[in-house]
Amino acid sequence: MLGELNEWLQSSRSLEELFDMVARFMTHILPDAEGSVYVYSNSRDVLEGCASWNGGAHKDHIHPEECWGLRRGRTYEYGASEIDFVCEHAEPHDGRNYYCFPILAHGETVGLMHLRSAADKSDEFKTSRKLAQMCAEQISMAIANVQMRDQLHDQSVRDPLTGLFNRRHMSETLRKLINASQNTGKNLSVIAVDVDHFKKFNDNHGHDAGDMVLRAVGAVMEQACDGDDVACRPGGEEFTLIVSGHSQEDVITKAELLRQSVEAVVVRYGEKSLPCITISLGVAHYPAHGSMPQDLLRASDDALYEAKAKGRNQVCIASGAAPEPRHPEEKSSCTEAPSSASPHAA
């Protein structure tokens, strides 16, 4: 059973799938024990409850200091000594013996496996410690492998500076969403974004200040995402927002709100604030402005260049069968910036 457990765990594609396998196998490997598994969150300030079996239960999250096993850095067995202390995460406690196995991988604690004796199975439970320890070791390596695989995948599709998706993921996502739109008729649009006069930030204040500007714009882009929206940074001072499931008019409104939000950001560098950040945006809709990823991206870029040519800090819609701006008083296909905006610190 241990060999089969290890084989299945090594082939799992996600932590969710892995914990489902753990729960099913542990029911058979240790039938006299109720169990649960916790894994450290990314922030490592809490452990998240992931699975339980044999009548056991897990909490949504626990703190590391609530477990004597984690606090002492080794397996804790309640009921083995004349004087024992109950872990806070094990409350309410009915006096049954239990184990807390810190799950270790590559010298780092990645989680916790908690096992408690089933009712009237105390003797059988005490003899299962070595087997339980072997299970914890196999589970720990499997968790570490899945987390490492997820981390490597994340690094391959994320921009390290802003945390947004990179060009590779942008192209793949756009291709998938176009195929989905062809099958379902779901609306799809692309918003191209470029930071105005970005070279001046680097030339006048240094590259660190330029990086701060890009991170600030990236944060606003991420906040603008709603539902299936995908925010990307293809490179340099260029950004892309892929918007799915919104009407063309709502996409234009979203682009204008994005422009206003960036303009309202205040970035402090040292003891001073950097000059106001503005962006130019180009909007393209599927299939009106293209039915292939490269066509949509090119159309949104062309609209972006038009916004640049007309004075920057505005939204332009790609030429072709595009909707009129929401406000009837706007005659052109570009939405110009208002004269002022209320700044908010970021």
Protein backbone atom coordinates (compact mmCIF):
# COMPACT_ATOMS: atom_id res chain seq x y z
CA MET A 1 0.00 0.00 0.00
CA LEU A 2 2.89 2.37 0.76
CA GLY A 3 4.40 1.63 -2.64
CA GLU A 4 1.10 2.28 -4.39
CA LEU A 5 0.60 5.48 -2.38
CA ASN A 6 4.01 6.77 -3.43
CA GLU A 7 3.37 5.92 -7.08
CA TRP A 8 0.03 7.72 -7.15
CA LEU A 9 1.33 10.75 -5.24
CA GLN A 10 4.22 11.20 -7.67
CA SER A 11 1.80 11.29 -10.60
CA SER A 12 -0.57 13.85 -9.06
CA ARG A 13 -0.94 17.11 -10.99
CA SER A 14 -2.18 19.38 -8.21
CA LEU A 15 -2.32 19.60 -4.43
CA GLU A 16 -6.08 19.12 -4.53
CA GLU A 17 -5.67 15.85 -6.41
CA LEU A 18 -2.80 14.83 -4.13
CA PHE A 19 -4.83 15.32 -0.93
CA ASP A 20 -7.73 13.35 -2.36
CA MET A 21 -5.31 10.46 -2.93
CA VAL A 22 -3.90 10.82 0.60
CA ALA A 23 -7.36 10.68 2.19
CA ARG A 24 -8.37 7.56 0.25
CA PHE A 25 -5.12 5.67 0.89
CA MET A 26 -4.80 6.58 4.58
CA THR A 27 -8.26 5.16 5.21
CA HIS A 28 -6.85 1.74 4.27
CA ILE A 29 -3.26 2.08 5.50
CA LEU A 30 -4.21 3.33 9.00
CA PRO A 31 -7.82 2.25 9.56
CA ASP A 32 -7.53 2.77 13.33
CA ALA A 33 -6.71 6.48 13.08
CA GLU A 34 -8.66 9.60 12.28
CA GLY A 35 -6.48 12.00 10.31
CA SER A 36 -6.08 15.40 8.76
CA VAL A 37 -3.42 17.30 6.80
CA TYR A 38 -2.47 20.97 6.90
CA VAL A 39 -0.12 22.84 4.56
CA TYR A 40 1.60 26.21 5.07
CA SER A 41 0.08 29.08 3.12
CA ASN A 42 2.29 31.11 0.78
CA SER A 43 2.68 33.77 3.47
CA ARG A 44 3.73 31.02 5.94
CA ASP A 45 1.87 32.67 8.80
CA VAL A 46 -0.88 30.03 8.92
CA LEU A 47 -1.47 26.45 7.83
CA GLU A 48 -4.50 25.70 5.69
CA GLY A 49 -6.62 22.62 6.28
CA CYS A 50 -6.53 20.46 3.14
CA ALA A 51 -7.94 16.98 3.83
CA SER A 52 -9.29 14.65 6.52
CA TRP A 53 -10.31 10.99 6.64
CA ASN A 54 -11.75 8.19 8.81
CA GLY A 55 -14.10 10.58 10.58
CA GLY A 56 -11.42 13.15 11.28
CA ALA A 57 -12.00 16.85 10.73
CA HIS A 58 -9.78 19.79 9.81
CA LYS A 59 -10.14 23.48 10.48
CA ASP A 60 -9.92 26.07 7.70
CA HIS A 61 -6.59 27.22 9.09
CA ILE A 62 -4.44 26.96 12.21
CA HIS A 63 -1.44 28.94 13.45
CA PRO A 64 1.96 27.22 13.85
CA GLU A 65 2.11 28.08 17.56
CA GLU A 66 -1.09 26.06 18.13
CA CYS A 67 0.80 22.77 17.57
CA TRP A 68 3.45 21.40 19.94
CA GLY A 69 4.90 19.33 17.11
CA LEU A 70 5.55 22.42 14.98
CA ARG A 71 6.77 24.47 17.94
CA ARG A 72 9.24 21.78 19.01
CA GLY A 73 10.25 20.82 15.47
CA ARG A 74 9.61 17.09 15.87
CA THR A 75 6.81 14.55 16.16
CA TYR A 76 4.61 15.12 19.18
CA GLU A 77 2.72 12.19 20.75
CA TYR A 78 -0.05 12.96 23.17
CA GLY A 79 -0.63 10.17 25.69
CA ALA A 80 2.91 8.77 25.76
CA SER A 81 4.11 10.64 28.89
CA GLU A 82 2.81 11.05 32.40
CA ILE A 83 2.36 14.77 31.75
CA ASP A 84 1.09 15.91 28.34
CA PHE A 85 -0.24 19.16 26.92
CA VAL A 86 -3.01 19.32 24.34
CA CYS A 87 -2.35 21.24 21.13
CA GLU A 88 -4.76 24.14 20.62
CA HIS A 89 -5.65 22.91 17.13
CA ALA A 90 -6.74 19.56 18.66
CA GLU A 91 -9.38 21.19 20.88
CA PRO A 92 -11.96 20.18 21.90
CA HIS A 93 -10.06 17.12 23.16
CA ASP A 94 -11.65 13.97 24.58
CA GLY A 95 -8.50 12.36 25.99
CA ARG A 96 -7.69 10.09 23.04
CA ASN A 97 -4.06 9.62 21.99
CA TYR A 98 -2.87 11.54 18.95
CA TYR A 99 0.24 12.26 16.86
CA CYS A 100 1.35 15.50 15.24
CA PHE A 101 3.87 14.84 12.47
CA PRO A 102 5.58 17.96 11.04
CA ILE A 103 5.78 17.35 7.29
CA LEU A 104 9.34 18.11 6.19
CA ALA A 105 10.82 18.36 2.71
CA HIS A 106 14.30 19.53 1.71
CA GLY A 107 14.94 20.67 5.27
CA GLU A 108 11.85 22.86 5.38
CA THR A 109 8.55 22.31 7.18
CA VAL A 110 5.78 22.36 4.57
CA GLY A 111 2.86 21.16 6.65
CA LEU A 112 1.42 18.99 9.42
CA MET A 113 -0.22 15.56 9.56
CA HIS A 114 -2.45 15.05 12.59
CA LEU A 115 -3.56 11.52 13.54
CA ARG A 116 -5.89 10.66 16.41
CA SER A 117 -6.80 7.25 17.77
CA ALA A 118 -10.19 5.97 16.71
CA ALA A 119 -12.56 5.17 19.55
CA ASP A 120 -11.51 2.03 21.50
CA LYS A 121 -8.44 1.57 19.24
CA SER A 122 -5.76 2.99 21.55
CA ASP A 123 -3.51 -0.10 21.57
CA GLU A 124 -3.59 -0.52 17.78
CA PHE A 125 -2.94 3.20 17.36
CA LYS A 126 0.19 3.15 19.52
CA THR A 127 1.76 0.42 17.39
CA SER A 128 1.17 2.36 14.17
CA ARG A 129 3.61 5.21 14.82
CA LYS A 130 6.40 3.91 12.58
CA LEU A 131 4.01 3.28 9.69
CA ALA A 132 2.43 6.71 10.17
CA GLN A 133 5.88 8.31 10.12
CA MET A 134 6.66 6.59 6.82
CA CYS A 135 3.38 7.88 5.36
CA ALA A 136 4.19 11.42 6.50
CA GLU A 137 7.60 11.23 4.80
CA GLN A 138 6.10 10.11 1.50
CA ILE A 139 3.38 12.77 1.67
CA SER A 140 5.97 15.46 2.43
CA MET A 141 8.06 14.73 -0.66
CA ALA A 142 4.98 14.60 -2.86
CA ILE A 143 3.77 17.98 -1.56
CA ALA A 144 7.21 19.51 -2.14
CA ASN A 145 7.33 18.16 -5.70
CA VAL A 146 3.90 19.55 -6.61
CA GLN A 147 4.71 22.92 -5.04
CA MET A 148 8.03 23.07 -6.89
CA ARG A 149 6.33 22.19 -10.17
CA ASP A 150 3.70 24.88 -9.57
CA GLN A 151 6.41 27.39 -8.71
CA LEU A 152 8.39 26.62 -11.86
CA HIS A 153 5.25 26.91 -13.98
CA ASP A 154 4.38 30.22 -12.30
CA GLN A 155 7.87 31.54 -13.03
CA SER A 156 7.51 30.54 -16.68
CA VAL A 157 4.27 32.53 -17.19
CA ARG A 158 4.75 35.49 -14.82
CA ASP A 159 6.61 38.76 -15.24
CA PRO A 160 9.02 38.93 -12.25
CA LEU A 161 8.77 42.72 -11.85
CA THR A 162 4.99 43.22 -11.76
CA GLY A 163 3.69 39.72 -11.13
CA LEU A 164 1.41 39.99 -14.17
CA PHE A 165 1.33 37.31 -16.85
CA ASN A 166 4.06 37.49 -19.51
CA ARG A 167 3.85 37.52 -23.31
CA ARG A 168 3.89 33.74 -23.57
CA HIS A 169 0.87 33.30 -21.32
CA MET A 170 -0.89 36.24 -22.99
CA SER A 171 -0.67 34.59 -26.41
CA GLU A 172 -1.81 31.20 -25.13
CA THR A 173 -4.72 32.69 -23.19
CA LEU A 174 -5.87 34.83 -26.09
CA ARG A 175 -5.82 31.83 -28.40
CA LYS A 176 -7.91 29.77 -25.96
CA LEU A 177 -10.42 32.59 -25.40
CA ILE A 178 -10.84 33.12 -29.15
CA ASN A 179 -11.63 29.43 -29.58
CA ALA A 180 -14.11 29.64 -26.71
CA SER A 181 -15.72 32.74 -28.22
CA GLN A 182 -16.12 30.95 -31.56
CA ASN A 183 -18.00 28.13 -29.81
CA THR A 184 -20.08 30.12 -27.33
CA GLY A 185 -20.34 33.61 -28.83
CA LYS A 186 -18.90 35.11 -25.65
CA ASN A 187 -17.62 38.68 -26.06
CA LEU A 188 -13.86 39.19 -26.13
CA SER A 189 -11.78 42.36 -26.26
CA VAL A 190 -8.15 43.41 -25.94
CA ILE A 191 -6.93 46.64 -24.33
CA ALA A 192 -3.36 47.66 -25.18
CA VAL A 193 -1.73 49.96 -22.61
CA ASP A 194 1.46 51.99 -22.79
CA VAL A 195 2.98 54.29 -20.15
CA ASP A 196 3.35 57.81 -21.55
CA HIS A 197 6.84 59.37 -21.60
CA PHE A 198 8.26 56.42 -19.68
CA LYS A 199 11.82 57.15 -20.84
CA LYS A 200 11.70 60.42 -18.89
CA PHE A 201 11.16 58.53 -15.63
CA ASN A 202 14.31 56.50 -16.26
CA ASP A 203 16.37 59.42 -17.56
CA ASN A 204 15.35 61.92 -14.85
CA HIS A 205 14.93 59.68 -11.80
CA GLY A 206 16.79 56.44 -12.53
CA HIS A 207 15.79 52.90 -13.41
CA ASP A 208 14.64 52.12 -9.86
CA ALA A 209 12.04 54.86 -10.17
CA GLY A 210 11.03 53.48 -13.56
CA ASP A 211 10.55 50.04 -12.01
CA MET A 212 8.34 51.58 -9.32
CA VAL A 213 6.19 53.18 -12.01
CA LEU A 214 5.80 49.84 -13.81
CA ARG A 215 4.89 48.08 -10.57
CA ALA A 216 2.31 50.78 -9.77
CA VAL A 217 0.70 50.46 -13.21
CA GLY A 218 0.78 46.66 -12.88
CA ALA A 219 -1.02 46.87 -9.53
CA VAL A 220 -3.77 49.01 -11.05
CA MET A 221 -4.05 46.57 -13.97
CA GLU A 222 -4.45 43.66 -11.57
CA GLN A 223 -7.11 45.49 -9.57
CA ALA A 224 -9.01 46.19 -12.80
CA CYS A 225 -9.35 42.46 -13.53
CA ASP A 226 -12.86 41.14 -13.11
CA GLY A 227 -13.99 37.55 -13.64
CA ASP A 228 -12.06 36.06 -16.55
CA ASP A 229 -10.01 39.19 -17.27
CA VAL A 230 -6.26 38.62 -17.69
CA ALA A 231 -3.66 41.35 -17.07
CA CYS A 232 -0.30 40.94 -18.84
CA ARG A 233 2.98 42.73 -19.30
CA PRO A 234 4.39 41.70 -22.71
CA GLY A 235 7.53 43.78 -22.07
CA GLY A 236 8.97 47.20 -21.37
CA GLU A 237 6.33 49.80 -20.55
CA GLU A 238 3.67 47.90 -22.50
CA PHE A 239 0.72 46.17 -20.83
CA THR A 240 -2.28 44.25 -22.13
CA LEU A 241 -5.67 43.57 -20.58
CA ILE A 242 -7.71 40.73 -22.08
CA VAL A 243 -11.39 41.24 -21.24
CA SER A 244 -13.86 38.38 -21.63
CA GLY A 245 -17.63 38.37 -21.21
CA HIS A 246 -18.21 42.15 -21.26
CA SER A 247 -20.09 44.21 -23.84
CA GLN A 248 -18.02 46.42 -26.11
CA GLU A 249 -19.40 49.54 -24.42
CA ASP A 250 -18.45 48.20 -20.98
CA VAL A 251 -14.94 47.44 -22.22
CA ILE A 252 -14.50 51.04 -23.35
CA THR A 253 -15.77 52.22 -19.98
CA LYS A 254 -13.34 49.84 -18.24
CA ALA A 255 -10.46 51.23 -20.32
CA GLU A 256 -11.38 54.80 -19.37
CA LEU A 257 -11.64 53.89 -15.67
CA LEU A 258 -8.25 52.20 -15.92
CA ARG A 259 -6.78 55.37 -17.43
CA GLN A 260 -8.25 57.48 -14.63
CA SER A 261 -7.04 55.08 -11.93
CA VAL A 262 -3.45 55.18 -13.18
CA GLU A 263 -3.54 58.98 -13.43
CA ALA A 264 -4.75 59.17 -9.83
CA VAL A 265 -1.84 57.08 -8.50
CA VAL A 266 0.93 58.85 -6.60
CA VAL A 267 4.28 57.03 -6.50
CA ARG A 268 6.75 58.15 -3.86
CA TYR A 269 10.43 57.70 -4.61
CA GLY A 270 12.64 58.50 -1.65
CA GLU A 271 11.37 61.70 -0.05
CA LYS A 272 9.55 63.01 -3.08
CA SER A 273 6.68 62.05 -5.35
CA LEU A 274 7.30 61.14 -8.96
CA PRO A 275 5.53 63.13 -11.71
CA CYS A 276 1.98 62.13 -12.59
CA ILE A 277 1.76 58.82 -14.45
CA THR A 278 -0.47 58.68 -17.52
CA ILE A 279 -1.21 55.91 -19.99
CA SER A 280 -2.51 55.65 -23.53
CA LEU A 281 -4.88 52.84 -24.41
CA GLY A 282 -6.07 51.11 -27.56
CA VAL A 283 -9.15 48.87 -27.66
CA ALA A 284 -9.91 46.08 -30.15
CA HIS A 285 -12.87 43.70 -30.21
CA TYR A 286 -13.25 40.15 -31.47
CA PRO A 287 -14.22 39.46 -34.24
CA ALA A 288 -14.79 43.01 -35.49
CA HIS A 289 -11.08 43.86 -35.44
CA GLY A 290 -9.58 40.41 -36.00
CA SER A 291 -10.22 36.70 -35.60
CA MET A 292 -6.62 35.66 -34.82
CA PRO A 293 -4.56 36.58 -31.73
CA GLN A 294 -1.98 38.50 -33.75
CA ASP A 295 -4.72 40.42 -35.60
CA LEU A 296 -6.41 41.52 -32.37
CA LEU A 297 -3.11 42.52 -30.79
CA ARG A 298 -2.11 44.46 -33.90
CA ALA A 299 -5.47 46.25 -34.01
CA SER A 300 -5.23 47.26 -30.35
CA ASP A 301 -1.63 48.44 -30.89
CA ASP A 302 -2.72 50.55 -33.89
CA ALA A 303 -5.42 52.14 -31.75
CA LEU A 304 -2.81 52.75 -29.04
CA TYR A 305 -0.52 54.53 -31.53
CA GLU A 306 -3.49 56.67 -32.56
CA ALA A 307 -4.01 57.65 -28.93
CA LYS A 308 -0.32 58.56 -28.73
CA ALA A 309 -0.53 60.64 -31.89
CA LYS A 310 -3.57 62.53 -30.63
CA GLY A 311 -1.83 63.69 -27.47
CA ARG A 312 -1.56 60.63 -25.18
CA ASN A 313 -3.47 59.99 -21.94
CA GLN A 314 -6.60 58.84 -23.73
CA VAL A 315 -8.48 55.80 -25.02
CA CYS A 316 -8.83 55.05 -28.74
CA ILE A 317 -10.86 52.31 -30.41
CA ALA A 318 -9.50 50.35 -33.35
CA SER A 319 -10.87 51.40 -36.72
CA GLY A 320 -13.62 49.24 -38.19
CA ALA A 321 -16.91 48.01 -36.82
CA ALA A 322 -16.48 49.38 -33.33
CA PRO A 323 -19.11 50.86 -30.97
CA GLU A 324 -19.52 54.54 -30.42
CA PRO A 325 -18.29 55.93 -27.08
CA ARG A 326 -20.91 55.71 -24.34
CA HIS A 327 -21.23 59.51 -23.99
CA PRO A 328 -23.08 61.02 -26.99
CA GLU A 329 -21.19 64.30 -26.81
CA GLU A 330 -17.92 62.52 -27.74
CA LYS A 331 -17.58 62.72 -31.51
CA SER A 332 -14.25 60.98 -32.16
CA SER A 333 -13.16 57.41 -31.47
CA CYS A 334 -10.83 58.65 -28.74
CA THR A 335 -11.83 59.38 -25.16
CA GLU A 336 -9.67 62.26 -23.98
CA ALA A 337 -8.54 62.80 -20.44
CA PRO A 338 -10.37 65.26 -18.20
CA SER A 339 -8.45 68.28 -17.03
CA SER A 340 -7.85 67.01 -13.51
CA ALA A 341 -8.05 63.92 -11.33
CA SER A 342 -8.01 63.30 -7.60
CA PRO A 343 -4.70 61.72 -6.56
CA HIS A 344 -4.53 58.73 -4.23
CA ALA A 345 -1.34 57.51 -2.64
CA ALA A 346 -0.08 54.09 -3.73
